[in-house]
Amino acid sequence: MVALCTNHTGVEERCLKAYDNSKASMDALCAAVKDVTKKDMDIHGVTEANAAIGFTSSTYSFNLPPKSKSLKVNVALA
Protein backbone atom coordinates (compact mmCIF):
# COMPACT_ATOMS: atom_id res chain seq x y z
CA MET A 1 0.00 0.00 0.00
CA VAL A 2 2.89 2.34 0.80
CA ALA A 3 4.39 1.76 -2.66
CA LEU A 4 1.06 2.61 -4.32
CA CYS A 5 0.65 5.76 -2.27
CA THR A 6 4.23 6.84 -2.88
CA ASN A 7 3.90 6.30 -6.64
CA HIS A 8 0.63 8.25 -6.69
CA THR A 9 2.36 11.47 -5.68
CA GLY A 10 2.07 13.93 -8.54
CA VAL A 11 -0.12 11.69 -10.70
CA GLU A 12 -2.68 14.43 -11.28
CA GLU A 13 0.00 16.79 -12.57
CA ARG A 14 1.49 14.05 -14.77
CA CYS A 15 -1.93 13.30 -16.25
CA LEU A 16 -2.56 16.98 -17.02
CA LYS A 17 0.87 17.25 -18.64
CA ALA A 18 0.13 14.13 -20.72
CA TYR A 19 -3.17 15.69 -21.83
CA ASP A 20 -1.40 18.93 -22.81
CA ASN A 21 1.18 16.95 -24.81
CA SER A 22 -1.58 14.91 -26.45
CA LYS A 23 -3.50 18.05 -27.42
CA ALA A 24 -0.36 19.63 -28.88
CA SER A 25 0.44 16.50 -30.90
CA MET A 26 -3.15 16.27 -32.20
CA ASP A 27 -3.00 19.90 -33.33
CA ALA A 28 0.40 19.41 -34.97
CA LEU A 29 -0.68 16.21 -36.73
CA CYS A 30 -3.84 17.83 -38.11
CA ALA A 31 -1.89 20.87 -39.28
CA ALA A 32 0.77 18.72 -40.98
CA VAL A 33 -1.82 16.61 -42.81
CA LYS A 34 -3.70 19.73 -43.91
CA ASP A 35 -0.46 21.31 -45.11
CA VAL A 36 0.35 18.29 -47.26
CA THR A 37 -3.10 17.22 -48.46
CA LYS A 38 -5.05 20.50 -48.19
CA LYS A 39 -7.74 18.44 -46.44
CA ASP A 40 -8.89 18.22 -42.85
CA MET A 41 -8.19 14.99 -41.04
CA ASP A 42 -10.66 13.39 -38.64
CA ILE A 43 -9.15 13.01 -35.21
CA HIS A 44 -10.95 11.86 -32.10
CA GLY A 45 -9.81 12.88 -28.66
CA VAL A 46 -10.98 14.76 -25.62
CA THR A 47 -12.98 17.82 -26.60
CA GLU A 48 -12.27 21.24 -25.12
CA ALA A 49 -15.67 21.04 -23.39
CA ASN A 50 -14.80 17.73 -21.74
CA ALA A 51 -11.38 19.01 -20.70
CA ALA A 52 -13.04 22.07 -19.15
CA ILE A 53 -15.01 19.83 -16.80
CA GLY A 54 -11.97 17.79 -15.83
CA PHE A 55 -11.85 14.87 -18.29
CA THR A 56 -8.32 15.04 -19.63
CA SER A 57 -7.42 11.67 -21.10
CA SER A 58 -4.24 11.75 -23.16
CA THR A 59 -5.42 9.27 -25.78
CA TYR A 60 -6.68 9.96 -29.27
CA SER A 61 -7.29 8.12 -32.50
CA PHE A 62 -7.20 9.10 -36.15
CA ASN A 63 -7.24 7.81 -39.67
CA LEU A 64 -4.82 9.31 -42.13
CA PRO A 65 -6.34 10.31 -45.46
CA PRO A 66 -6.18 7.59 -48.12
CA LYS A 67 -2.92 7.28 -50.00
CA SER A 68 -2.52 9.74 -52.80
CA LYS A 69 -1.33 8.79 -56.26
CA SER A 70 1.37 11.37 -55.73
CA LEU A 71 4.60 9.99 -54.28
CA LYS A 72 5.50 13.49 -53.08
CA VAL A 73 2.33 13.70 -50.97
CA ASN A 74 2.85 10.22 -49.50
CA VAL A 75 6.47 11.00 -48.61
CA ALA A 76 5.43 14.27 -46.97
CA LEU A 77 2.80 12.50 -44.88
CA ALA A 78 5.30 9.87 -43.76
PDB file of N, CA and C in Angstrom:
ATOM      1  N   MET A   1       0.823  -1.182   0.000  1.00  0.00           N
ATOM      2  CA  MET A   1       0.000   0.000   0.000  1.00  0.00           C
ATOM      3  C   MET A   1       0.876   1.257   0.000  1.00  0.00           C
ATOM      4  N   VAL A   2       1.971   1.197   0.751  1.00  0.00           N
ATOM      5  CA  VAL A   2       2.886   2.338   0.799  1.00  0.00           C
ATOM      6  C   VAL A   2       3.448   2.620  -0.595  1.00  0.00           C
ATOM      7  N   ALA A   3       3.840   1.569  -1.307  1.00  0.00           N
ATOM      8  CA  ALA A   3       4.392   1.756  -2.661  1.00  0.00           C
ATOM      9  C   ALA A   3       3.364   2.414  -3.580  1.00  0.00           C
ATOM     10  N   LEU A   4       2.111   2.002  -3.491  1.00  0.00           N
ATOM     11  CA  LEU A   4       1.060   2.609  -4.317  1.00  0.00           C
ATOM     12  C   LEU A   4       0.867   4.073  -3.970  1.00  0.00           C
ATOM     13  N   CYS A   5       0.830   4.375  -2.698  1.00  0.00           N
ATOM     14  CA  CYS A   5       0.645   5.761  -2.268  1.00  0.00           C
ATOM     15  C   CYS A   5       1.835   6.631  -2.656  1.00  0.00           C
ATOM     16  N   THR A   6       3.026   6.092  -2.522  1.00  0.00           N
ATOM     17  CA  THR A   6       4.228   6.840  -2.884  1.00  0.00           C
ATOM     18  C   THR A   6       4.258   7.126  -4.383  1.00  0.00           C
ATOM     19  N   ASN A   7       3.900   6.142  -5.183  1.00  0.00           N
ATOM     20  CA  ASN A   7       3.901   6.304  -6.637  1.00  0.00           C
ATOM     21  C   ASN A   7       2.795   7.248  -7.101  1.00  0.00           C
ATOM     22  N   HIS A   8       1.750   7.401  -6.310  1.00  0.00           N
ATOM     23  CA  HIS A   8       0.625   8.254  -6.689  1.00  0.00           C
ATOM     24  C   HIS A   8       0.962   9.738  -6.601  1.00  0.00           C
ATOM     25  N   THR A   9       1.979  10.073  -5.853  1.00  0.00           N
ATOM     26  CA  THR A   9       2.359  11.471  -5.679  1.00  0.00           C
ATOM     27  C   THR A   9       2.605  12.122  -7.030  1.00  0.00           C
ATOM     28  N   GLY A  10       1.884  13.188  -7.295  1.00  0.00           N
ATOM     29  CA  GLY A  10       2.071  13.929  -8.540  1.00  0.00           C
ATOM     30  C   GLY A  10       1.338  13.370  -9.740  1.00  0.00           C
ATOM     31  N   VAL A  11       0.535  12.323  -9.553  1.00  0.00           N
ATOM     32  CA  VAL A  11      -0.118  11.694 -10.702  1.00  0.00           C
ATOM     33  C   VAL A  11      -1.074  12.654 -11.400  1.00  0.00           C
ATOM     34  N   GLU A  12      -1.756  13.492 -10.651  1.00  0.00           N
ATOM     35  CA  GLU A  12      -2.685  14.432 -11.276  1.00  0.00           C
ATOM     36  C   GLU A  12      -1.937  15.387 -12.214  1.00  0.00           C
ATOM     37  N   GLU A  13      -0.798  15.871 -11.748  1.00  0.00           N
ATOM     38  CA  GLU A  13       0.000  16.785 -12.573  1.00  0.00           C
ATOM     39  C   GLU A  13       0.545  16.071 -13.811  1.00  0.00           C
ATOM     40  N   ARG A  14       0.988  14.810 -13.625  1.00  0.00           N
ATOM     41  CA  ARG A  14       1.495  14.045 -14.770  1.00  0.00           C
ATOM     42  C   ARG A  14       0.395  13.799 -15.793  1.00  0.00           C
ATOM     43  N   CYS A  15      -0.807  13.524 -15.326  1.00  0.00           N
ATOM     44  CA  CYS A  15      -1.932  13.299 -16.252  1.00  0.00           C
ATOM     45  C   CYS A  15      -2.280  14.570 -17.010  1.00  0.00           C
ATOM     46  N   LEU A  16      -2.284  15.711 -16.329  1.00  0.00           N
ATOM     47  CA  LEU A  16      -2.563  16.979 -17.019  1.00  0.00           C
ATOM     48  C   LEU A  16      -1.478  17.299 -18.043  1.00  0.00           C
ATOM     49  N   LYS A  17      -0.232  17.026 -17.693  1.00  0.00           N
ATOM     50  CA  LYS A  17       0.867  17.253 -18.637  1.00  0.00           C
ATOM     51  C   LYS A  17       0.733  16.330 -19.853  1.00  0.00           C
ATOM     52  N   ALA A  18       0.344  15.076 -19.612  1.00  0.00           N
ATOM     53  CA  ALA A  18       0.132  14.130 -20.715  1.00  0.00           C
ATOM     54  C   ALA A  18      -0.999  14.610 -21.615  1.00  0.00           C
ATOM     55  N   TYR A  19      -2.069  15.142 -21.025  1.00  0.00           N
ATOM     56  CA  TYR A  19      -3.173  15.686 -21.832  1.00  0.00           C
ATOM     57  C   TYR A  19      -2.678  16.866 -22.669  1.00  0.00           C
ATOM     58  N   ASP A  20      -1.922  17.774 -22.062  1.00  0.00           N
ATOM     59  CA  ASP A  20      -1.400  18.928 -22.806  1.00  0.00           C
ATOM     60  C   ASP A  20      -0.524  18.476 -23.974  1.00  0.00           C
ATOM     61  N   ASN A  21       0.333  17.479 -23.736  1.00  0.00           N
ATOM     62  CA  ASN A  21       1.181  16.953 -24.810  1.00  0.00           C
ATOM     63  C   ASN A  21       0.341  16.289 -25.899  1.00  0.00           C
ATOM     64  N   SER A  22      -0.680  15.568 -25.493  1.00  0.00           N
ATOM     65  CA  SER A  22      -1.576  14.911 -26.446  1.00  0.00           C
ATOM     66  C   SER A  22      -2.291  15.942 -27.312  1.00  0.00           C
ATOM     67  N   LYS A  23      -2.795  16.986 -26.691  1.00  0.00           N
ATOM     68  CA  LYS A  23      -3.501  18.046 -27.425  1.00  0.00           C
ATOM     69  C   LYS A  23      -2.555  18.711 -28.418  1.00  0.00           C
ATOM     70  N   ALA A  24      -1.347  18.999 -27.990  1.00  0.00           N
ATOM     71  CA  ALA A  24      -0.360  19.625 -28.880  1.00  0.00           C
ATOM     72  C   ALA A  24      -0.026  18.712 -30.060  1.00  0.00           C
ATOM     73  N   SER A  25       0.112  17.408 -29.800  1.00  0.00           N
ATOM     74  CA  SER A  25       0.444  16.495 -30.899  1.00  0.00           C
ATOM     75  C   SER A  25      -0.738  16.326 -31.845  1.00  0.00           C
ATOM     76  N   MET A  26      -1.969  16.335 -31.320  1.00  0.00           N
ATOM     77  CA  MET A  26      -3.147  16.271 -32.202  1.00  0.00           C
ATOM     78  C   MET A  26      -3.190  17.496 -33.113  1.00  0.00           C
ATOM     79  N   ASP A  27      -2.982  18.671 -32.541  1.00  0.00           N
ATOM     80  CA  ASP A  27      -3.003  19.905 -33.325  1.00  0.00           C
ATOM     81  C   ASP A  27      -1.913  19.898 -34.396  1.00  0.00           C
ATOM     82  N   ALA A  28      -0.709  19.449 -34.019  1.00  0.00           N
ATOM     83  CA  ALA A  28       0.403  19.412 -34.974  1.00  0.00           C
ATOM     84  C   ALA A  28       0.145  18.395 -36.087  1.00  0.00           C
ATOM     85  N   LEU A  29      -0.385  17.239 -35.733  1.00  0.00           N
ATOM     86  CA  LEU A  29      -0.676  16.213 -36.729  1.00  0.00           C
ATOM     87  C   LEU A  29      -1.723  16.704 -37.725  1.00  0.00           C
ATOM     88  N   CYS A  30      -2.792  17.304 -37.225  1.00  0.00           N
ATOM     89  CA  CYS A  30      -3.842  17.826 -38.115  1.00  0.00           C
ATOM     90  C   CYS A  30      -3.284  18.910 -39.030  1.00  0.00           C
ATOM     91  N   ALA A  31      -2.473  19.795 -38.482  1.00  0.00           N
ATOM     92  CA  ALA A  31      -1.889  20.869 -39.285  1.00  0.00           C
ATOM     93  C   ALA A  31      -0.963  20.309 -40.363  1.00  0.00           C
ATOM     94  N   ALA A  32      -0.161  19.306 -40.017  1.00  0.00           N
ATOM     95  CA  ALA A  32       0.769  18.721 -40.984  1.00  0.00           C
ATOM     96  C   ALA A  32       0.017  18.031 -42.116  1.00  0.00           C
ATOM     97  N   VAL A  33      -1.031  17.295 -41.776  1.00  0.00           N
ATOM     98  CA  VAL A  33      -1.816  16.613 -42.808  1.00  0.00           C
ATOM     99  C   VAL A  33      -2.499  17.637 -43.704  1.00  0.00           C
ATOM    100  N   LYS A  34      -3.042  18.691 -43.108  1.00  0.00           N
ATOM    101  CA  LYS A  34      -3.702  19.728 -43.911  1.00  0.00           C
ATOM    102  C   LYS A  34      -2.699  20.423 -44.821  1.00  0.00           C
ATOM    103  N   ASP A  35      -1.501  20.655 -44.317  1.00  0.00           N
ATOM    104  CA  ASP A  35      -0.464  21.313 -45.109  1.00  0.00           C
ATOM    105  C   ASP A  35      -0.103  20.481 -46.335  1.00  0.00           C
ATOM    106  N   VAL A  36      -0.047  19.172 -46.164  1.00  0.00           N
ATOM    107  CA  VAL A  36       0.352  18.291 -47.259  1.00  0.00           C
ATOM    108  C   VAL A  36      -0.806  17.981 -48.203  1.00  0.00           C
ATOM    109  N   THR A  37      -1.978  17.692 -47.644  1.00  0.00           N
ATOM    110  CA  THR A  37      -3.101  17.223 -48.463  1.00  0.00           C
ATOM    111  C   THR A  37      -4.120  18.300 -48.795  1.00  0.00           C
ATOM    112  N   LYS A  38      -4.054  19.417 -48.071  1.00  0.00           N
ATOM    113  CA  LYS A  38      -5.049  20.497 -48.192  1.00  0.00           C
ATOM    114  C   LYS A  38      -6.432  20.042 -47.731  1.00  0.00           C
ATOM    115  N   LYS A  39      -6.483  18.968 -46.948  1.00  0.00           N
ATOM    116  CA  LYS A  39      -7.744  18.438 -46.437  1.00  0.00           C
ATOM    117  C   LYS A  39      -7.662  18.317 -44.927  1.00  0.00           C
ATOM    118  N   ASP A  40      -8.827  18.443 -44.296  1.00  0.00           N
ATOM    119  CA  ASP A  40      -8.894  18.221 -42.853  1.00  0.00           C
ATOM    120  C   ASP A  40      -8.851  16.729 -42.576  1.00  0.00           C
ATOM    121  N   MET A  41      -8.270  16.380 -41.443  1.00  0.00           N
ATOM    122  CA  MET A  41      -8.195  14.987 -41.036  1.00  0.00           C
ATOM    123  C   MET A  41      -9.080  14.793 -39.816  1.00  0.00           C
ATOM    124  N   ASP A  42      -9.862  13.718 -39.811  1.00  0.00           N
ATOM    125  CA  ASP A  42     -10.659  13.393 -38.636  1.00  0.00           C
ATOM    126  C   ASP A  42      -9.752  12.877 -37.534  1.00  0.00           C
ATOM    127  N   ILE A  43      -9.898  13.464 -36.374  1.00  0.00           N
ATOM    128  CA  ILE A  43      -9.149  13.008 -35.214  1.00  0.00           C
ATOM    129  C   ILE A  43     -10.117  13.011 -34.033  1.00  0.00           C
ATOM    130  N   HIS A  44     -10.014  12.015 -33.211  1.00  0.00           N
ATOM    131  CA  HIS A  44     -10.949  11.861 -32.100  1.00  0.00           C
ATOM    132  C   HIS A  44     -10.171  11.819 -30.795  1.00  0.00           C
ATOM    133  N   GLY A  45     -10.449  12.798 -29.957  1.00  0.00           N
ATOM    134  CA  GLY A  45      -9.812  12.876 -28.657  1.00  0.00           C
ATOM    135  C   GLY A  45     -10.727  13.624 -27.713  1.00  0.00           C
ATOM    136  N   VAL A  46     -10.205  14.013 -26.602  1.00  0.00           N
ATOM    137  CA  VAL A  46     -10.980  14.756 -25.621  1.00  0.00           C
ATOM    138  C   VAL A  46     -11.306  16.135 -26.188  1.00  0.00           C
ATOM    139  N   THR A  47     -12.572  16.507 -26.114  1.00  0.00           N
ATOM    140  CA  THR A  47     -12.978  17.819 -26.598  1.00  0.00           C
ATOM    141  C   THR A  47     -12.606  18.890 -25.578  1.00  0.00           C
ATOM    142  N   GLU A  48     -12.563  20.129 -26.037  1.00  0.00           N
ATOM    143  CA  GLU A  48     -12.272  21.237 -25.125  1.00  0.00           C
ATOM    144  C   GLU A  48     -13.331  21.305 -24.020  1.00  0.00           C
ATOM    145  N   ALA A  49     -14.587  21.017 -24.381  1.00  0.00           N
ATOM    146  CA  ALA A  49     -15.675  21.045 -23.393  1.00  0.00           C
ATOM    147  C   ALA A  49     -15.457  19.987 -22.311  1.00  0.00           C
ATOM    148  N   ASN A  50     -15.063  18.786 -22.719  1.00  0.00           N
ATOM    149  CA  ASN A  50     -14.797  17.729 -21.738  1.00  0.00           C
ATOM    150  C   ASN A  50     -13.587  18.073 -20.871  1.00  0.00           C
ATOM    151  N   ALA A  51     -12.561  18.627 -21.468  1.00  0.00           N
ATOM    152  CA  ALA A  51     -11.375  19.012 -20.699  1.00  0.00           C
ATOM    153  C   ALA A  51     -11.735  20.091 -19.675  1.00  0.00           C
ATOM    154  N   ALA A  52     -12.640  20.991 -20.049  1.00  0.00           N
ATOM    155  CA  ALA A  52     -13.041  22.066 -19.148  1.00  0.00           C
ATOM    156  C   ALA A  52     -13.730  21.552 -17.889  1.00  0.00           C
ATOM    157  N   ILE A  53     -14.353  20.385 -17.985  1.00  0.00           N
ATOM    158  CA  ILE A  53     -15.013  19.827 -16.798  1.00  0.00           C
ATOM    159  C   ILE A  53     -14.156  18.764 -16.107  1.00  0.00           C
ATOM    160  N   GLY A  54     -12.901  18.641 -16.549  1.00  0.00           N
ATOM    161  CA  GLY A  54     -11.967  17.786 -15.827  1.00  0.00           C
ATOM    162  C   GLY A  54     -11.621  16.462 -16.464  1.00  0.00           C
ATOM    163  N   PHE A  55     -12.204  16.126 -17.621  1.00  0.00           N
ATOM    164  CA  PHE A  55     -11.855  14.873 -18.286  1.00  0.00           C
ATOM    165  C   PHE A  55     -10.699  15.149 -19.225  1.00  0.00           C
ATOM    166  N   THR A  56      -9.517  14.694 -18.863  1.00  0.00           N
ATOM    167  CA  THR A  56      -8.317  15.036 -19.631  1.00  0.00           C
ATOM    168  C   THR A  56      -7.502  13.798 -19.993  1.00  0.00           C
ATOM    169  N   SER A  57      -8.140  12.847 -20.633  1.00  0.00           N
ATOM    170  CA  SER A  57      -7.417  11.666 -21.098  1.00  0.00           C
ATOM    171  C   SER A  57      -6.389  12.092 -22.144  1.00  0.00           C
ATOM    172  N   SER A  58      -5.289  11.386 -22.201  1.00  0.00           N
ATOM    173  CA  SER A  58      -4.241  11.748 -23.165  1.00  0.00           C
ATOM    174  C   SER A  58      -4.277  10.869 -24.409  1.00  0.00           C
ATOM    175  N   THR A  59      -5.343  10.144 -24.615  1.00  0.00           N
ATOM    176  CA  THR A  59      -5.423   9.265 -25.783  1.00  0.00           C
ATOM    177  C   THR A  59      -6.223   9.914 -26.897  1.00  0.00           C
ATOM    178  N   TYR A  60      -5.893   9.533 -28.119  1.00  0.00           N
ATOM    179  CA  TYR A  60      -6.680   9.961 -29.269  1.00  0.00           C
ATOM    180  C   TYR A  60      -6.511   8.941 -30.375  1.00  0.00           C
ATOM    181  N   SER A  61      -7.394   9.022 -31.359  1.00  0.00           N
ATOM    182  CA  SER A  61      -7.291   8.117 -32.504  1.00  0.00           C
ATOM    183  C   SER A  61      -7.556   8.914 -33.775  1.00  0.00           C
ATOM    184  N   PHE A  62      -7.029   8.405 -34.877  1.00  0.00           N
ATOM    185  CA  PHE A  62      -7.197   9.100 -36.148  1.00  0.00           C
ATOM    186  C   PHE A  62      -7.010   8.112 -37.291  1.00  0.00           C
ATOM    187  N   ASN A  63      -7.480   8.533 -38.428  1.00  0.00           N
ATOM    188  CA  ASN A  63      -7.242   7.808 -39.667  1.00  0.00           C
ATOM    189  C   ASN A  63      -6.614   8.791 -40.642  1.00  0.00           C
ATOM    190  N   LEU A  64      -5.436   8.451 -41.120  1.00  0.00           N
ATOM    191  CA  LEU A  64      -4.817   9.308 -42.128  1.00  0.00           C
ATOM    192  C   LEU A  64      -5.658   9.265 -43.399  1.00  0.00           C
ATOM    193  N   PRO A  65      -5.625  10.337 -44.187  1.00  0.00           N
ATOM    194  CA  PRO A  65      -6.343  10.306 -45.457  1.00  0.00           C
ATOM    195  C   PRO A  65      -5.823   9.154 -46.314  1.00  0.00           C
ATOM    196  N   PRO A  66      -6.645   8.677 -47.258  1.00  0.00           N
ATOM    197  CA  PRO A  66      -6.175   7.588 -48.119  1.00  0.00           C
ATOM    198  C   PRO A  66      -4.932   8.001 -48.897  1.00  0.00           C
ATOM    199  N   LYS A  67      -4.144   7.001 -49.253  1.00  0.00           N
ATOM    200  CA  LYS A  67      -2.918   7.279 -49.998  1.00  0.00           C
ATOM    201  C   LYS A  67      -3.236   8.016 -51.293  1.00  0.00           C
ATOM    202  N   SER A  68      -2.397   8.967 -51.573  1.00  0.00           N
ATOM    203  CA  SER A  68      -2.522   9.741 -52.797  1.00  0.00           C
ATOM    204  C   SER A  68      -1.770   9.018 -53.915  1.00  0.00           C
ATOM    205  N   LYS A  69      -2.085   9.352 -55.128  1.00  0.00           N
ATOM    206  CA  LYS A  69      -1.329   8.794 -56.256  1.00  0.00           C
ATOM    207  C   LYS A  69       0.009   9.507 -56.397  1.00  0.00           C
ATOM    208  N   SER A  70       0.153  10.602 -55.655  1.00  0.00           N
ATOM    209  CA  SER A  70       1.371  11.372 -55.734  1.00  0.00           C
ATOM    210  C   SER A  70       2.392  10.885 -54.709  1.00  0.00           C
ATOM    211  N   LEU A  71       3.537  10.441 -55.174  1.00  0.00           N
ATOM    212  CA  LEU A  71       4.603   9.987 -54.284  1.00  0.00           C
ATOM    213  C   LEU A  71       5.037  11.117 -53.356  1.00  0.00           C
ATOM    214  N   LYS A  72       5.085  12.334 -53.870  1.00  0.00           N
ATOM    215  CA  LYS A  72       5.505  13.490 -53.080  1.00  0.00           C
ATOM    216  C   LYS A  72       4.588  13.676 -51.876  1.00  0.00           C
ATOM    217  N   VAL A  73       3.284  13.550 -52.064  1.00  0.00           N
ATOM    218  CA  VAL A  73       2.332  13.698 -50.966  1.00  0.00           C
ATOM    219  C   VAL A  73       2.524  12.582 -49.954  1.00  0.00           C
ATOM    220  N   ASN A  74       2.666  11.353 -50.418  1.00  0.00           N
ATOM    221  CA  ASN A  74       2.851  10.219 -49.501  1.00  0.00           C
ATOM    222  C   ASN A  74       4.134  10.353 -48.689  1.00  0.00           C
ATOM    223  N   VAL A  75       5.200  10.808 -49.318  1.00  0.00           N
ATOM    224  CA  VAL A  75       6.465  10.995 -48.610  1.00  0.00           C
ATOM    225  C   VAL A  75       6.316  12.099 -47.571  1.00  0.00           C
ATOM    226  N   ALA A  76       5.626  13.178 -47.914  1.00  0.00           N
ATOM    227  CA  ALA A  76       5.431  14.273 -46.975  1.00  0.00           C
ATOM    228  C   ALA A  76       4.617  13.819 -45.769  1.00  0.00           C
ATOM    229  N   LEU A  77       3.591  13.007 -45.979  1.00  0.00           N
ATOM    230  CA  LEU A  77       2.804  12.497 -44.879  1.00  0.00           C
ATOM    231  C   LEU A  77       3.624  11.599 -43.963  1.00  0.00           C
ATOM    232  N   ALA A  78       4.465  10.783 -44.552  1.00  0.00           N
ATOM    233  CA  ALA A  78       5.301   9.868 -43.763  1.00  0.00           C
ATOM    234  C   ALA A  78       6.279  10.670 -42.938  1.00  0.00           C
TER     235      ALA A  78
END
